[in-house]
Amino acid sequence: RATSLTLVFSLNATSSKYHLSGVTLLAAWPD
C-alpha cells in the first residue's frame, strides 16, 4: 500500500533519557 512509516525519538540531555516522541503514517488507504 505504498506505506511510509516514520518513527521519531527524542533525547533529554538533562536526564539522559530518550523516548519515542512521534509516529507518522502515509499509505494508500483512503485519506
All heavy atoms as atom14 arrays in JSON, in Angstrom:
{
  "sequence": "RATSLTLVFSLNATSSKYHLSGVTLLAAWPD",
  "atom14_mask": [
    [1, 1, 1, 1, 1, 1, 1, 1, 1, 1, 1, 0, 0, 0],
    [1, 1, 1, 1, 1, 0, 0, 0, 0, 0, 0, 0, 0, 0],
    [1, 1, 1, 1, 1, 1, 1, 0, 0, 0, 0, 0, 0, 0],
    [1, 1, 1, 1, 1, 1, 0, 0, 0, 0, 0, 0, 0, 0],
    [1, 1, 1, 1, 1, 1, 1, 1, 0, 0, 0, 0, 0, 0],
    [1, 1, 1, 1, 1, 1, 1, 0, 0, 0, 0, 0, 0, 0],
    [1, 1, 1, 1, 1, 1, 1, 1, 0, 0, 0, 0, 0, 0],
    [1, 1, 1, 1, 1, 1, 1, 0, 0, 0, 0, 0, 0, 0],
    [1, 1, 1, 1, 1, 1, 1, 1, 1, 1, 1, 0, 0, 0],
    [1, 1, 1, 1, 1, 1, 0, 0, 0, 0, 0, 0, 0, 0],
    [1, 1, 1, 1, 1, 1, 1, 1, 0, 0, 0, 0, 0, 0],
    [1, 1, 1, 1, 1, 1, 1, 1, 0, 0, 0, 0, 0, 0],
    [1, 1, 1, 1, 1, 0, 0, 0, 0, 0, 0, 0, 0, 0],
    [1, 1, 1, 1, 1, 1, 1, 0, 0, 0, 0, 0, 0, 0],
    [1, 1, 1, 1, 1, 1, 0, 0, 0, 0, 0, 0, 0, 0],
    [1, 1, 1, 1, 1, 1, 0, 0, 0, 0, 0, 0, 0, 0],
    [1, 1, 1, 1, 1, 1, 1, 1, 1, 0, 0, 0, 0, 0],
    [1, 1, 1, 1, 1, 1, 1, 1, 1, 1, 1, 1, 0, 0],
    [1, 1, 1, 1, 1, 1, 1, 1, 1, 1, 0, 0, 0, 0],
    [1, 1, 1, 1, 1, 1, 1, 1, 0, 0, 0, 0, 0, 0],
    [1, 1, 1, 1, 1, 1, 0, 0, 0, 0, 0, 0, 0, 0],
    [1, 1, 1, 1, 0, 0, 0, 0, 0, 0, 0, 0, 0, 0],
    [1, 1, 1, 1, 1, 1, 1, 0, 0, 0, 0, 0, 0, 0],
    [1, 1, 1, 1, 1, 1, 1, 0, 0, 0, 0, 0, 0, 0],
    [1, 1, 1, 1, 1, 1, 1, 1, 0, 0, 0, 0, 0, 0],
    [1, 1, 1, 1, 1, 1, 1, 1, 0, 0, 0, 0, 0, 0],
    [1, 1, 1, 1, 1, 0, 0, 0, 0, 0, 0, 0, 0, 0],
    [1, 1, 1, 1, 1, 0, 0, 0, 0, 0, 0, 0, 0, 0],
    [1, 1, 1, 1, 1, 1, 1, 1, 1, 1, 1, 1, 1, 1],
    [1, 1, 1, 1, 1, 1, 1, 0, 0, 0, 0, 0, 0, 0],
    [1, 1, 1, 1, 1, 1, 1, 1, 0, 0, 0, 0, 0, 0]
  ],
  "atom14_positions": [
    [[0.82, -1.22, 0.0], [0.0, 0.0, 0.0], [0.85, 1.27, 0.0], [0.46, 2.29, 0.57], [-0.96, 0.02, 1.2], [-2.07, -1.01, 1.11], [-3.07, -0.83, 2.21], [-4.18, -1.74, 2.1], [-5.29, -1.51, 1.42], [-5.42, -0.38, 0.76], [-6.27, -2.39, 1.38], [0.0, 0.0, 0.0], [0.0, 0.0, 0.0], [0.0, 0.0, 0.0]],
    [[2.03, 1.2, -0.58], [2.94, 2.35, -0.67], [3.09, 2.99, 0.71], [2.96, 4.21, 0.89], [2.41, 3.36, -1.67], [0.0, 0.0, 0.0], [0.0, 0.0, 0.0], [0.0, 0.0, 0.0], [0.0, 0.0, 0.0], [0.0, 0.0, 0.0], [0.0, 0.0, 0.0], [0.0, 0.0, 0.0], [0.0, 0.0, 0.0], [0.0, 0.0, 0.0]],
    [[3.4, 2.16, 1.7], [3.45, 2.6, 3.09], [4.75, 3.34, 3.39], [5.83, 2.9, 3.02], [3.31, 1.38, 4.03], [2.07, 0.74, 3.77], [3.36, 1.81, 5.49], [0.0, 0.0, 0.0], [0.0, 0.0, 0.0], [0.0, 0.0, 0.0], [0.0, 0.0, 0.0], [0.0, 0.0, 0.0], [0.0, 0.0, 0.0], [0.0, 0.0, 0.0]],
    [[4.61, 4.44, 4.12], [5.75, 5.2, 4.63], [5.51, 5.44, 6.11], [4.58, 6.16, 6.49], [5.9, 6.52, 3.87], [6.95, 7.29, 4.42], [0.0, 0.0, 0.0], [0.0, 0.0, 0.0], [0.0, 0.0, 0.0], [0.0, 0.0, 0.0], [0.0, 0.0, 0.0], [0.0, 0.0, 0.0], [0.0, 0.0, 0.0], [0.0, 0.0, 0.0]],
    [[6.36, 4.82, 6.94], [6.21, 4.91, 8.39], [7.44, 5.6, 8.97], [8.57, 5.16, 8.75], [6.06, 3.51, 9.0], [5.9, 3.43, 10.51], [4.58, 4.04, 10.96], [5.99, 1.98, 10.98], [0.0, 0.0, 0.0], [0.0, 0.0, 0.0], [0.0, 0.0, 0.0], [0.0, 0.0, 0.0], [0.0, 0.0, 0.0], [0.0, 0.0, 0.0]],
    [[7.21, 6.67, 9.74], [8.3, 7.45, 10.33], [8.22, 7.36, 11.85], [7.17, 7.64, 12.43], [8.24, 8.92, 9.89], [8.25, 8.99, 8.47], [9.42, 9.69, 10.45], [0.0, 0.0, 0.0], [0.0, 0.0, 0.0], [0.0, 0.0, 0.0], [0.0, 0.0, 0.0], [0.0, 0.0, 0.0], [0.0, 0.0, 0.0], [0.0, 0.0, 0.0]],
    [[9.34, 6.98, 12.48], [9.44, 6.93, 13.94], [10.49, 7.96, 14.37], [11.62, 7.94, 13.88], [9.88, 5.54, 14.41], [9.05, 4.34, 13.9], [9.63, 3.04, 14.44], [7.59, 4.48, 14.31], [0.0, 0.0, 0.0], [0.0, 0.0, 0.0], [0.0, 0.0, 0.0], [0.0, 0.0, 0.0], [0.0, 0.0, 0.0], [0.0, 0.0, 0.0]],
    [[10.1, 8.84, 15.29], [10.99, 9.9, 15.76], [11.26, 9.7, 17.25], [10.32, 9.58, 18.05], [10.38, 11.3, 15.53], [11.31, 12.38, 16.06], [10.09, 11.52, 14.04], [0.0, 0.0, 0.0], [0.0, 0.0, 0.0], [0.0, 0.0, 0.0], [0.0, 0.0, 0.0], [0.0, 0.0, 0.0], [0.0, 0.0, 0.0], [0.0, 0.0, 0.0]],
    [[12.56, 9.65, 17.61], [12.98, 9.51, 19.01], [13.58, 10.83, 19.48], [14.31, 11.49, 18.72], [14.0, 8.39, 19.16], [13.46, 7.02, 18.86], [13.44, 6.55, 17.55], [12.97, 6.22, 19.87], [12.95, 5.29, 17.26], [12.47, 4.95, 19.6], [12.46, 4.49, 18.28], [0.0, 0.0, 0.0], [0.0, 0.0, 0.0], [0.0, 0.0, 0.0]],
    [[13.32, 11.19, 20.73], [13.84, 12.43, 21.3], [14.67, 12.12, 22.54], [14.34, 11.21, 23.31], [12.69, 13.38, 21.66], [11.96, 13.75, 20.51], [0.0, 0.0, 0.0], [0.0, 0.0, 0.0], [0.0, 0.0, 0.0], [0.0, 0.0, 0.0], [0.0, 0.0, 0.0], [0.0, 0.0, 0.0], [0.0, 0.0, 0.0], [0.0, 0.0, 0.0]],
    [[15.72, 12.89, 22.74], [16.63, 12.71, 23.88], [16.59, 13.94, 24.78], [16.7, 15.07, 24.3], [18.06, 12.47, 23.4], [19.15, 12.43, 24.47], [18.97, 11.21, 25.37], [20.54, 12.43, 23.82], [0.0, 0.0, 0.0], [0.0, 0.0, 0.0], [0.0, 0.0, 0.0], [0.0, 0.0, 0.0], [0.0, 0.0, 0.0], [0.0, 0.0, 0.0]],
    [[16.41, 13.69, 26.07], [16.51, 14.75, 27.07], [17.93, 14.74, 27.61], [18.32, 13.83, 28.36], [15.49, 14.52, 28.18], [15.44, 15.67, 29.17], [16.46, 16.3, 29.47], [14.25, 15.95, 29.7], [0.0, 0.0, 0.0], [0.0, 0.0, 0.0], [0.0, 0.0, 0.0], [0.0, 0.0, 0.0], [0.0, 0.0, 0.0], [0.0, 0.0, 0.0]],
    [[18.72, 15.73, 27.22], [20.14, 15.75, 27.6], [20.31, 15.9, 29.11], [21.31, 15.41, 29.68], [20.85, 16.88, 26.87], [0.0, 0.0, 0.0], [0.0, 0.0, 0.0], [0.0, 0.0, 0.0], [0.0, 0.0, 0.0], [0.0, 0.0, 0.0], [0.0, 0.0, 0.0], [0.0, 0.0, 0.0], [0.0, 0.0, 0.0], [0.0, 0.0, 0.0]],
    [[19.37, 16.53, 29.77], [19.48, 16.74, 31.22], [19.35, 15.44, 32.0], [20.14, 15.14, 32.9], [18.42, 17.75, 31.7], [18.56, 18.97, 30.97], [18.56, 18.02, 33.19], [0.0, 0.0, 0.0], [0.0, 0.0, 0.0], [0.0, 0.0, 0.0], [0.0, 0.0, 0.0], [0.0, 0.0, 0.0], [0.0, 0.0, 0.0], [0.0, 0.0, 0.0]],
    [[18.34, 14.64, 31.63], [18.09, 13.39, 32.35], [18.75, 12.19, 31.67], [18.73, 11.08, 32.23], [16.58, 13.14, 32.45], [16.02, 12.99, 31.15], [0.0, 0.0, 0.0], [0.0, 0.0, 0.0], [0.0, 0.0, 0.0], [0.0, 0.0, 0.0], [0.0, 0.0, 0.0], [0.0, 0.0, 0.0], [0.0, 0.0, 0.0], [0.0, 0.0, 0.0]],
    [[19.32, 12.39, 30.47], [19.92, 11.29, 29.69], [18.91, 10.19, 29.41], [19.25, 9.0, 29.36], [21.15, 10.71, 30.41], [22.16, 11.68, 30.53], [0.0, 0.0, 0.0], [0.0, 0.0, 0.0], [0.0, 0.0, 0.0], [0.0, 0.0, 0.0], [0.0, 0.0, 0.0], [0.0, 0.0, 0.0], [0.0, 0.0, 0.0], [0.0, 0.0, 0.0]],
    [[17.65, 10.59, 29.19], [16.59, 9.64, 28.85], [16.05, 9.95, 27.46], [15.96, 11.11, 27.06], [15.44, 9.75, 29.87], [15.8, 9.39, 31.3], [16.04, 7.89, 31.47], [16.28, 7.52, 32.93], [16.48, 6.07, 33.11], [0.0, 0.0, 0.0], [0.0, 0.0, 0.0], [0.0, 0.0, 0.0], [0.0, 0.0, 0.0], [0.0, 0.0, 0.0]],
    [[15.71, 8.89, 26.73], [15.1, 9.08, 25.42], [13.75, 8.37, 25.37], [13.44, 7.52, 26.21], [16.02, 8.54, 24.31], [16.3, 7.06, 24.36], [15.38, 6.13, 23.85], [17.49, 6.57, 24.9], [15.64, 4.76, 23.9], [17.76, 5.22, 24.94], [16.83, 4.32, 24.44], [17.08, 2.97, 24.48], [0.0, 0.0, 0.0], [0.0, 0.0, 0.0]],
    [[12.94, 8.7, 24.38], [11.64, 8.06, 24.2], [11.17, 8.24, 22.76], [11.68, 9.1, 22.03], [10.59, 8.63, 25.17], [10.23, 10.06, 24.92], [11.06, 11.11, 25.31], [9.18, 10.64, 24.29], [10.5, 12.26, 24.96], [9.36, 12.0, 24.33], [0.0, 0.0, 0.0], [0.0, 0.0, 0.0], [0.0, 0.0, 0.0], [0.0, 0.0, 0.0]],
    [[10.2, 7.44, 22.35], [9.57, 7.58, 21.05], [8.56, 8.71, 21.15], [7.55, 8.59, 21.84], [8.87, 6.28, 20.65], [8.11, 6.31, 19.32], [9.05, 6.51, 18.14], [7.29, 5.02, 19.14], [0.0, 0.0, 0.0], [0.0, 0.0, 0.0], [0.0, 0.0, 0.0], [0.0, 0.0, 0.0], [0.0, 0.0, 0.0], [0.0, 0.0, 0.0]],
    [[8.84, 9.81, 20.47], [8.0, 11.01, 20.62], [7.05, 11.24, 19.46], [6.07, 11.98, 19.59], [8.9, 12.24, 20.77], [9.76, 12.39, 19.64], [0.0, 0.0, 0.0], [0.0, 0.0, 0.0], [0.0, 0.0, 0.0], [0.0, 0.0, 0.0], [0.0, 0.0, 0.0], [0.0, 0.0, 0.0], [0.0, 0.0, 0.0], [0.0, 0.0, 0.0]],
    [[7.31, 10.61, 18.31], [6.44, 10.86, 17.16], [6.36, 9.68, 16.22], [7.33, 8.96, 16.01], [0.0, 0.0, 0.0], [0.0, 0.0, 0.0], [0.0, 0.0, 0.0], [0.0, 0.0, 0.0], [0.0, 0.0, 0.0], [0.0, 0.0, 0.0], [0.0, 0.0, 0.0], [0.0, 0.0, 0.0], [0.0, 0.0, 0.0], [0.0, 0.0, 0.0]],
    [[5.16, 9.46, 15.66], [4.93, 8.43, 14.64], [4.04, 9.02, 13.56], [3.03, 9.66, 13.86], [4.26, 7.17, 15.23], [3.93, 6.16, 14.12], [5.14, 6.52, 16.28], [0.0, 0.0, 0.0], [0.0, 0.0, 0.0], [0.0, 0.0, 0.0], [0.0, 0.0, 0.0], [0.0, 0.0, 0.0], [0.0, 0.0, 0.0], [0.0, 0.0, 0.0]],
    [[4.43, 8.83, 12.3], [3.64, 9.31, 11.18], [3.48, 8.19, 10.16], [4.44, 7.48, 9.86], [4.3, 10.53, 10.5], [4.48, 11.56, 11.47], [3.43, 11.06, 9.37], [0.0, 0.0, 0.0], [0.0, 0.0, 0.0], [0.0, 0.0, 0.0], [0.0, 0.0, 0.0], [0.0, 0.0, 0.0], [0.0, 0.0, 0.0], [0.0, 0.0, 0.0]],
    [[2.26, 8.03, 9.64], [1.97, 7.01, 8.64], [1.36, 7.66, 7.4], [0.39, 8.41, 7.49], [1.0, 5.95, 9.18], [0.5, 4.92, 8.18], [1.63, 4.02, 7.73], [-0.65, 4.09, 8.78], [0.0, 0.0, 0.0], [0.0, 0.0, 0.0], [0.0, 0.0, 0.0], [0.0, 0.0, 0.0], [0.0, 0.0, 0.0], [0.0, 0.0, 0.0]],
    [[1.95, 7.37, 6.26], [1.39, 7.74, 4.96], [1.2, 6.44, 4.18], [2.14, 5.66, 4.05], [2.32, 8.67, 4.19], [2.58, 10.05, 4.8], [3.63, 10.8, 3.99], [1.3, 10.86, 4.86], [0.0, 0.0, 0.0], [0.0, 0.0, 0.0], [0.0, 0.0, 0.0], [0.0, 0.0, 0.0], [0.0, 0.0, 0.0], [0.0, 0.0, 0.0]],
    [[-0.01, 6.2, 3.67], [-0.27, 4.94, 2.96], [-1.45, 5.13, 2.01], [-2.16, 6.14, 2.06], [-0.55, 3.81, 3.95], [0.0, 0.0, 0.0], [0.0, 0.0, 0.0], [0.0, 0.0, 0.0], [0.0, 0.0, 0.0], [0.0, 0.0, 0.0], [0.0, 0.0, 0.0], [0.0, 0.0, 0.0], [0.0, 0.0, 0.0], [0.0, 0.0, 0.0]],
    [[-1.64, 4.12, 1.15], [-2.66, 4.2, 0.11], [-4.02, 3.71, 0.59], [-4.79, 3.17, -0.19], [-2.21, 3.39, -1.1], [0.0, 0.0, 0.0], [0.0, 0.0, 0.0], [0.0, 0.0, 0.0], [0.0, 0.0, 0.0], [0.0, 0.0, 0.0], [0.0, 0.0, 0.0], [0.0, 0.0, 0.0], [0.0, 0.0, 0.0], [0.0, 0.0, 0.0]],
    [[-4.31, 3.84, 1.86], [-5.68, 3.68, 2.33], [-6.43, 4.98, 2.04], [-5.79, 6.05, 1.91], [-5.7, 3.4, 3.83], [-5.44, 1.98, 4.2], [-6.31, 0.94, 4.09], [-4.25, 1.44, 4.77], [-5.73, -0.22, 4.53], [-4.45, 0.06, 4.97], [-3.02, 1.98, 5.12], [-3.49, -0.77, 5.49], [-2.05, 1.16, 5.64], [-2.29, -0.2, 5.83]],
    [[-7.76, 4.96, 2.01], [-8.49, 6.21, 1.72], [-8.18, 7.29, 2.77], [-8.39, 7.09, 3.97], [-9.96, 5.77, 1.79], [-9.93, 4.3, 1.5], [-8.65, 3.8, 2.08], [0.0, 0.0, 0.0], [0.0, 0.0, 0.0], [0.0, 0.0, 0.0], [0.0, 0.0, 0.0], [0.0, 0.0, 0.0], [0.0, 0.0, 0.0], [0.0, 0.0, 0.0]],
    [[-7.68, 8.42, 2.3], [-7.42, 9.58, 3.16], [-6.54, 9.22, 4.36], [-6.76, 9.71, 5.47], [-8.74, 10.2, 3.66], [-9.62, 10.65, 2.52], [-9.07, 11.15, 1.52], [-10.85, 10.49, 2.63], [0.0, 0.0, 0.0], [0.0, 0.0, 0.0], [0.0, 0.0, 0.0], [0.0, 0.0, 0.0], [0.0, 0.0, 0.0], [0.0, 0.0, 0.0]]
  ]
}
